[in-house]
Amino acid sequence: MITEIQSFAILDAAAEPAVPEMLKSLNPDVVCLFHEPVADDFASVAPYLVRVDSEVSAWLKTRKTPWGILISSASELIALRDHLRHLLKAYIPGQLEPVLIRYYDPRLIWGLLDSLDARALHDFLGPIIEVVTTAQGQYRSASFEAKRRPFQKTAYIQQGPLHLNQFQYDLMLKSSRQVMLQRVAARIRHQLLENDSDEMSRPGQLVYTLSVDDPVTEATDIQNSAVDPECLAEELVEALAPMGITDTRSLTGLAELFVKRRVLGVEDMPVAWHRHLSDTKNPGSYRAETLLNKELGYIPA
């Protein structure tokens, strides 16, 4: 029975694509938070609980992505995994079925923890003693000792998926929203320029343009599209978040797909896309990546 406090990392392969490769090369003590057996497609976007040793710690310091969070606990690896698995699902406003909640996203965890009352926080943390994040070069840690003190001798309760009210859900998303919107808007802006370039470089399109319209006017119309990248980014994030699609890689990838296919509004989304993305039986990042693979043949970085 392990009684000493140890450091663990919850690594998000959906946010840091190098996680599976690192696990193979460094071979740390690790378990997947998804229930076994984990299909290869799921494994590439799954969260992993890793015991942090010197090699893992050194690797984490080289990462620039929101790779996950650090936690400390006196529990054994498997017992801690079982508790963390219990936290993976939550009911959110507007959804009848629980969705995957990526609480291990360093941009979400603090908003979520801050939204919980003392008892709910105690039950959520369970055997976790401290939470640490280092995302975007900003270090933050908390043990919530004062809030948990009244429950020191009280066992934490596992009651199934969390039920987040609108206030809690909004608070959880608030901290990451602005950064997310900026990244999605940047991807939209880049893809709009790519679309313009593709249009102007097609020989067939150029001949048609020369025979019908003034090419200078045509080019100006393409470049000065009515699409507002910031507005489209906000529309996409707002529509996809309730479906459990909240990670940067999925959102920027889907933004690229939408613009590349000239789907310039959520209301114009093909029915098949919406059906696939809203199927909450599978993790949001998995749904996004499978759609991207099907439509583009690759997953945008």
Protein backbone atom coordinates (compact mmCIF):
# COMPACT_ATOMS: atom_id res chain seq x y z
CA MET A 1 0.00 0.00 0.00
CA ILE A 2 1.50 3.30 -1.10
CA THR A 3 1.21 6.04 1.50
CA GLU A 4 3.77 8.56 0.28
CA ILE A 5 2.56 11.46 -1.83
CA GLN A 6 3.46 11.02 -5.48
CA SER A 7 3.24 13.19 -8.57
CA PHE A 8 1.12 12.16 -11.54
CA ALA A 9 0.27 13.75 -14.86
CA ILE A 10 -2.97 13.45 -16.78
CA LEU A 11 -1.79 13.69 -20.38
CA ASP A 12 -4.23 14.62 -23.14
CA ALA A 13 -3.26 12.95 -26.41
CA ALA A 14 -5.93 14.99 -28.21
CA ALA A 15 -4.05 18.19 -27.31
CA GLU A 16 -0.51 16.78 -27.47
CA PRO A 17 -0.13 14.34 -30.40
CA ALA A 18 3.34 13.24 -29.21
CA VAL A 19 1.93 11.55 -26.08
CA PRO A 20 1.63 8.01 -27.56
CA GLU A 21 5.17 8.16 -28.93
CA MET A 22 6.52 9.37 -25.58
CA LEU A 23 4.77 6.56 -23.73
CA LYS A 24 6.41 4.02 -26.02
CA SER A 25 9.89 5.52 -25.81
CA LEU A 26 10.03 6.33 -22.08
CA ASN A 27 7.79 3.47 -20.90
CA PRO A 28 6.59 5.14 -17.67
CA ASP A 29 3.98 3.69 -15.33
CA VAL A 30 0.80 4.57 -17.19
CA VAL A 31 -2.88 3.69 -17.48
CA CYS A 32 -5.51 4.97 -19.88
CA LEU A 33 -8.50 6.76 -18.41
CA PHE A 34 -10.80 5.28 -21.06
CA HIS A 35 -12.13 1.82 -20.27
CA GLU A 36 -10.31 -1.07 -21.89
CA PRO A 37 -10.06 -2.31 -24.54
CA VAL A 38 -9.13 0.99 -26.18
CA ALA A 39 -9.25 0.95 -29.99
CA ASP A 40 -6.30 2.49 -31.83
CA ASP A 41 -8.41 5.44 -33.00
CA PHE A 42 -9.42 6.20 -29.42
CA ALA A 43 -5.90 5.64 -28.09
CA SER A 44 -4.59 8.49 -30.23
CA VAL A 45 -6.90 11.02 -28.52
CA ALA A 46 -7.26 9.46 -25.06
CA PRO A 47 -6.24 10.87 -21.67
CA TYR A 48 -3.51 8.95 -19.82
CA LEU A 49 -2.57 8.89 -16.15
CA VAL A 50 1.22 8.75 -15.85
CA ARG A 51 3.43 8.52 -12.80
CA VAL A 52 5.88 11.40 -13.17
CA ASP A 53 9.55 10.44 -12.98
CA SER A 54 12.57 12.50 -13.99
CA GLU A 55 12.29 11.55 -17.68
CA VAL A 56 8.60 12.37 -17.91
CA SER A 57 9.17 15.63 -16.05
CA ALA A 58 11.93 16.63 -18.48
CA TRP A 59 9.72 15.76 -21.45
CA LEU A 60 6.83 17.83 -20.13
CA LYS A 61 9.06 20.89 -19.87
CA THR A 62 9.61 20.74 -23.66
CA ARG A 63 5.90 20.79 -24.51
CA LYS A 64 4.23 23.97 -25.77
CA THR A 65 0.71 22.54 -26.00
CA PRO A 66 -2.00 22.44 -23.29
CA TRP A 67 -0.96 18.83 -22.65
CA GLY A 68 -2.88 18.33 -19.39
CA ILE A 69 -2.46 18.78 -15.66
CA LEU A 70 -0.30 17.59 -12.78
CA ILE A 71 -1.82 16.13 -9.63
CA SER A 72 -0.41 14.73 -6.42
CA SER A 73 -1.93 11.87 -4.45
CA ALA A 74 -1.09 9.15 -1.94
CA SER A 75 -3.27 6.67 -3.83
CA GLU A 76 -1.95 3.88 -5.99
CA LEU A 77 -2.04 4.31 -9.76
CA ILE A 78 -5.04 2.03 -10.37
CA ALA A 79 -7.12 3.44 -7.52
CA LEU A 80 -6.45 6.97 -8.74
CA ARG A 81 -7.35 5.94 -12.30
CA ASP A 82 -10.68 4.54 -11.12
CA HIS A 83 -11.55 7.83 -9.44
CA LEU A 84 -10.51 9.90 -12.46
CA ARG A 85 -12.55 7.72 -14.80
CA HIS A 86 -15.60 8.49 -12.72
CA LEU A 87 -15.13 12.19 -13.52
CA LEU A 88 -15.06 11.83 -17.31
CA LYS A 89 -18.78 12.34 -17.91
CA ALA A 90 -21.01 15.26 -17.03
CA TYR A 91 -24.47 16.56 -17.83
CA ILE A 92 -24.29 20.06 -19.28
CA PRO A 93 -27.09 22.52 -20.11
CA GLY A 94 -28.99 21.63 -23.26
CA GLN A 95 -27.86 18.00 -23.40
CA LEU A 96 -30.02 15.04 -22.32
CA GLU A 97 -27.11 12.59 -22.32
CA PRO A 98 -23.83 13.05 -20.42
CA VAL A 99 -20.86 14.19 -22.49
CA LEU A 100 -17.14 13.67 -22.09
CA ILE A 101 -15.78 16.47 -19.94
CA ARG A 102 -12.11 17.20 -20.52
CA TYR A 103 -11.47 18.40 -16.98
CA TYR A 104 -7.78 17.64 -17.52
CA ASP A 105 -7.54 20.55 -19.98
CA PRO A 106 -5.45 23.13 -18.06
CA ARG A 107 -7.62 25.92 -19.47
CA LEU A 108 -10.80 24.34 -18.09
CA ILE A 109 -9.85 22.82 -14.76
CA TRP A 110 -9.70 26.01 -12.69
CA GLY A 111 -13.04 27.32 -13.87
CA LEU A 112 -14.58 23.96 -13.04
CA LEU A 113 -13.00 23.69 -9.59
CA ASP A 114 -13.88 27.30 -8.75
CA SER A 115 -17.52 26.66 -9.65
CA LEU A 116 -18.00 23.78 -7.19
CA ASP A 117 -19.21 24.26 -3.64
CA ALA A 118 -17.09 22.85 -0.80
CA ARG A 119 -18.80 19.46 -0.64
CA ALA A 120 -18.90 18.97 -4.40
CA LEU A 121 -15.23 19.97 -4.60
CA HIS A 122 -14.32 17.42 -1.92
CA ASP A 123 -16.14 14.67 -3.82
CA PHE A 124 -14.64 15.72 -7.15
CA LEU A 125 -11.04 15.78 -5.94
CA GLY A 126 -11.34 12.64 -3.84
CA PRO A 127 -7.80 11.27 -3.36
CA ILE A 128 -6.22 14.21 -5.19
CA ILE A 129 -4.19 16.38 -2.82
CA GLU A 130 -2.99 19.11 -5.18
CA VAL A 131 -3.65 20.28 -8.74
CA VAL A 132 -0.95 22.03 -10.79
CA THR A 133 -1.03 23.56 -14.28
CA THR A 134 1.75 25.12 -16.34
CA ALA A 135 -0.15 26.00 -19.53
CA GLN A 136 1.14 28.89 -21.65
CA GLY A 137 4.01 29.45 -19.23
CA GLN A 138 1.69 30.27 -16.33
CA TYR A 139 2.16 28.19 -13.19
CA ARG A 140 -0.77 27.68 -10.86
CA SER A 141 -1.32 25.23 -8.02
CA ALA A 142 -3.91 24.69 -5.30
CA SER A 143 -4.74 22.11 -2.66
CA PHE A 144 -8.07 23.68 -1.57
CA GLU A 145 -7.15 22.75 1.98
CA ALA A 146 -9.40 25.37 3.59
CA LYS A 147 -12.46 24.40 1.55
CA ARG A 148 -11.93 20.69 2.24
CA ARG A 149 -11.09 21.00 5.93
CA PRO A 150 -14.70 20.44 7.16
CA PHE A 151 -14.72 17.11 5.31
CA GLN A 152 -11.32 15.77 6.40
CA LYS A 153 -12.93 12.80 8.13
CA THR A 154 -15.70 12.39 5.56
CA ALA A 155 -15.39 9.90 2.73
CA TYR A 156 -15.83 11.40 -0.71
CA ILE A 157 -18.91 10.24 -2.61
CA GLN A 158 -19.02 9.05 -6.20
CA GLN A 159 -22.52 9.73 -7.51
CA GLY A 160 -22.14 9.22 -11.24
CA PRO A 161 -21.76 12.00 -13.84
CA LEU A 162 -21.55 15.57 -12.62
CA HIS A 163 -24.56 17.80 -13.20
CA LEU A 164 -23.28 21.23 -14.22
CA ASN A 165 -25.72 24.13 -14.14
CA GLN A 166 -25.45 27.03 -16.58
CA PHE A 167 -23.37 29.15 -14.19
CA GLN A 168 -20.88 26.35 -13.58
CA TYR A 169 -20.65 25.48 -17.26
CA ASP A 170 -20.10 29.11 -18.26
CA LEU A 171 -17.46 29.59 -15.58
CA MET A 172 -15.64 26.44 -16.67
CA LEU A 173 -15.43 27.63 -20.26
CA LYS A 174 -14.74 31.30 -19.58
CA SER A 175 -11.02 30.98 -18.88
CA SER A 176 -10.26 29.22 -22.15
CA ARG A 177 -12.80 30.89 -24.39
CA GLN A 178 -10.83 33.92 -25.55
CA VAL A 179 -7.67 32.00 -26.41
CA MET A 180 -9.74 29.36 -28.18
CA LEU A 181 -11.63 31.94 -30.23
CA GLN A 182 -8.40 33.63 -31.29
CA ARG A 183 -6.91 30.36 -32.50
CA VAL A 184 -10.03 29.28 -34.36
CA ALA A 185 -10.36 32.72 -35.99
CA ALA A 186 -6.70 32.60 -37.04
CA ARG A 187 -7.25 29.21 -38.70
CA ILE A 188 -10.35 30.52 -40.49
CA ARG A 189 -8.44 33.57 -41.70
CA HIS A 190 -5.59 31.39 -42.98
CA GLN A 191 -7.94 29.03 -44.82
CA LEU A 192 -9.82 31.92 -46.43
CA LEU A 193 -6.50 33.10 -47.87
CA GLU A 194 -5.77 29.55 -49.04
CA ASN A 195 -9.16 29.45 -50.75
CA ASP A 196 -8.42 32.76 -52.48
CA SER A 197 -5.07 31.43 -53.66
CA ASP A 198 -6.62 28.23 -54.98
CA GLU A 199 -9.29 30.14 -56.90
CA MET A 200 -6.78 32.45 -58.56
CA SER A 201 -4.36 29.64 -59.48
CA ARG A 202 -6.83 27.39 -61.34
CA PRO A 203 -6.27 27.71 -65.12
CA GLY A 204 -9.85 26.73 -65.92
CA GLN A 205 -11.21 29.26 -63.47
CA LEU A 206 -8.96 31.98 -64.87
CA VAL A 207 -10.13 31.36 -68.46
CA TYR A 208 -13.75 31.44 -67.36
CA THR A 209 -13.19 34.65 -65.44
CA LEU A 210 -11.49 36.35 -68.37
CA SER A 211 -14.32 35.45 -70.69
CA VAL A 212 -17.11 36.66 -68.44
CA ASP A 213 -16.01 39.15 -65.79
CA ASP A 214 -13.27 41.61 -65.06
CA PRO A 215 -10.55 39.47 -63.34
CA VAL A 216 -9.53 42.30 -61.02
CA THR A 217 -13.09 42.71 -59.76
CA GLU A 218 -13.45 38.94 -59.34
CA ALA A 219 -10.27 38.71 -57.25
CA THR A 220 -11.33 41.59 -55.05
CA ASP A 221 -14.69 39.96 -54.42
CA ILE A 222 -13.00 36.72 -53.34
CA GLN A 223 -10.56 38.39 -50.99
CA ASN A 224 -13.15 40.72 -49.47
CA SER A 225 -15.52 37.92 -48.59
CA ALA A 226 -18.39 38.75 -46.27
CA VAL A 227 -17.10 36.10 -43.86
CA ASP A 228 -16.00 37.58 -40.54
CA PRO A 229 -13.42 35.14 -39.06
CA GLU A 230 -14.15 36.22 -35.48
CA CYS A 231 -17.91 35.81 -35.88
CA LEU A 232 -17.59 32.42 -37.58
CA ALA A 233 -15.14 31.28 -34.89
CA GLU A 234 -17.58 32.25 -32.15
CA GLU A 235 -20.43 30.54 -33.97
CA LEU A 236 -18.46 27.29 -34.34
CA VAL A 237 -17.22 27.24 -30.74
CA GLU A 238 -20.72 27.96 -29.41
CA ALA A 239 -22.26 25.20 -31.53
CA LEU A 240 -19.61 22.53 -30.90
CA ALA A 241 -19.06 23.02 -27.16
CA PRO A 242 -22.44 21.52 -26.15
CA MET A 243 -21.50 18.48 -28.24
CA GLY A 244 -18.42 17.99 -26.07
CA ILE A 245 -15.99 19.20 -28.75
CA THR A 246 -13.84 21.70 -26.88
CA ASP A 247 -10.16 20.94 -27.56
CA THR A 248 -8.14 23.31 -29.72
CA ARG A 249 -6.98 20.70 -32.21
CA SER A 250 -10.54 19.58 -32.98
CA LEU A 251 -11.98 23.09 -33.20
CA THR A 252 -9.25 24.51 -35.43
CA GLY A 253 -9.35 21.40 -37.61
CA LEU A 254 -13.11 21.64 -38.04
CA ALA A 255 -12.79 25.37 -38.76
CA GLU A 256 -10.38 24.49 -41.57
CA LEU A 257 -12.81 21.89 -42.92
CA PHE A 258 -15.77 24.27 -42.83
CA VAL A 259 -13.95 27.02 -44.73
CA LYS A 260 -12.25 24.64 -47.17
CA ARG A 261 -15.67 23.19 -48.05
CA ARG A 262 -17.17 26.70 -48.02
CA VAL A 263 -19.59 25.88 -45.23
CA LEU A 264 -19.53 29.40 -43.82
CA GLY A 265 -22.18 29.09 -41.13
CA VAL A 266 -23.30 26.47 -38.65
CA GLU A 267 -26.78 26.50 -40.20
CA ASP A 268 -25.18 25.38 -43.49
CA MET A 269 -23.50 22.34 -41.92
CA PRO A 270 -24.32 19.14 -43.86
CA VAL A 271 -26.77 16.93 -42.02
CA ALA A 272 -24.30 14.03 -42.07
CA TRP A 273 -21.63 16.18 -40.37
CA HIS A 274 -24.04 17.29 -37.67
CA ARG A 275 -25.22 13.75 -37.04
CA HIS A 276 -21.65 12.50 -36.71
CA LEU A 277 -20.42 15.34 -34.49
CA SER A 278 -23.42 15.26 -32.16
CA ASP A 279 -23.19 11.52 -31.44
CA THR A 280 -22.01 11.87 -27.85
CA LYS A 281 -21.49 8.14 -27.34
CA ASN A 282 -17.93 8.75 -28.55
CA PRO A 283 -15.44 11.36 -27.26
CA GLY A 284 -15.66 14.75 -28.95
CA SER A 285 -12.06 14.70 -30.19
CA TYR A 286 -12.62 11.25 -31.72
CA ARG A 287 -15.75 12.42 -33.55
CA ALA A 288 -13.92 15.47 -34.88
CA GLU A 289 -10.87 13.50 -36.04
CA THR A 290 -12.86 10.77 -37.77
CA LEU A 291 -14.88 13.39 -39.66
CA LEU A 292 -11.71 15.25 -40.65
CA ASN A 293 -10.07 12.04 -41.84
CA LYS A 294 -13.13 11.15 -43.88
CA GLU A 295 -13.57 14.57 -45.47
CA LEU A 296 -9.96 15.76 -45.83
CA GLY A 297 -7.94 12.55 -45.68
CA TYR A 298 -5.84 14.01 -42.87
CA ILE A 299 -6.12 15.68 -39.46
CA PRO A 300 -4.94 19.31 -39.54
CA ALA A 301 -2.18 20.07 -37.04
